[in-house]
Amino acid sequence: MNRFPTGKLFRTDTGSDLVLTRTFRAPAEDVWASITEPERTARWFGPWEGQAGPGRTIKVQLLYEEETPWSEMRIEACEPPRRLEISAVDEAGSWHLELLLSEADGTTELRFVQHLATEEGTGEVGPGWEYYLDMLVASRDGSPKPAFDDYYPAMKPYYEQLTAADE
């Protein structure tokens, strides 16, 4: 299946923001449940355990990564059903993510933001988030799960081109 990259890169005072969006015909509360409830996150990303709340750390199992590792993630902000901000540091690097929901007329937009200190590796990161967000879509609408090979390396040039703009 042909997949098309959707991400945009915005320069900020502290680095860059990689932004991807998905739209759902559902209330924000329902989409919020898909990104915060462990049994629902397991359908597209991985389950998590621990006591959630701002300033707390949870453990997330990355089900769709090699060897399905567990990763610690710190909840920086949690404002149901509009904003979830998390951060993590692992062998792959440093991650600072925000998931922002806005609802209008029964449709919810998820704005996924990765705050980047450096744009290095965006050619790998962008396709990965496209894959995971399409996994979220499939988990919600019952469509077949996408294959990672449809995203990487096919989308890598698109994301590398974003980082080359305005240099």
Foldseek 3Di string as FASTA:
>chain_A
DADDFDWAWAADPQGIKIKDKDKDLADLQVLQCCVPPQVNVCQQAFGKDDDDDAQDKIWTFGVPDPPRDIFIKHFNDDDPSAKTWIWGQDPVGIWTWMWGWDDDPSMIMTMIITGDNYLPPQLPVRLVVVLRVQSSVCSVPVDDRDDSVSRPPVCSVVRVVNVVPPD
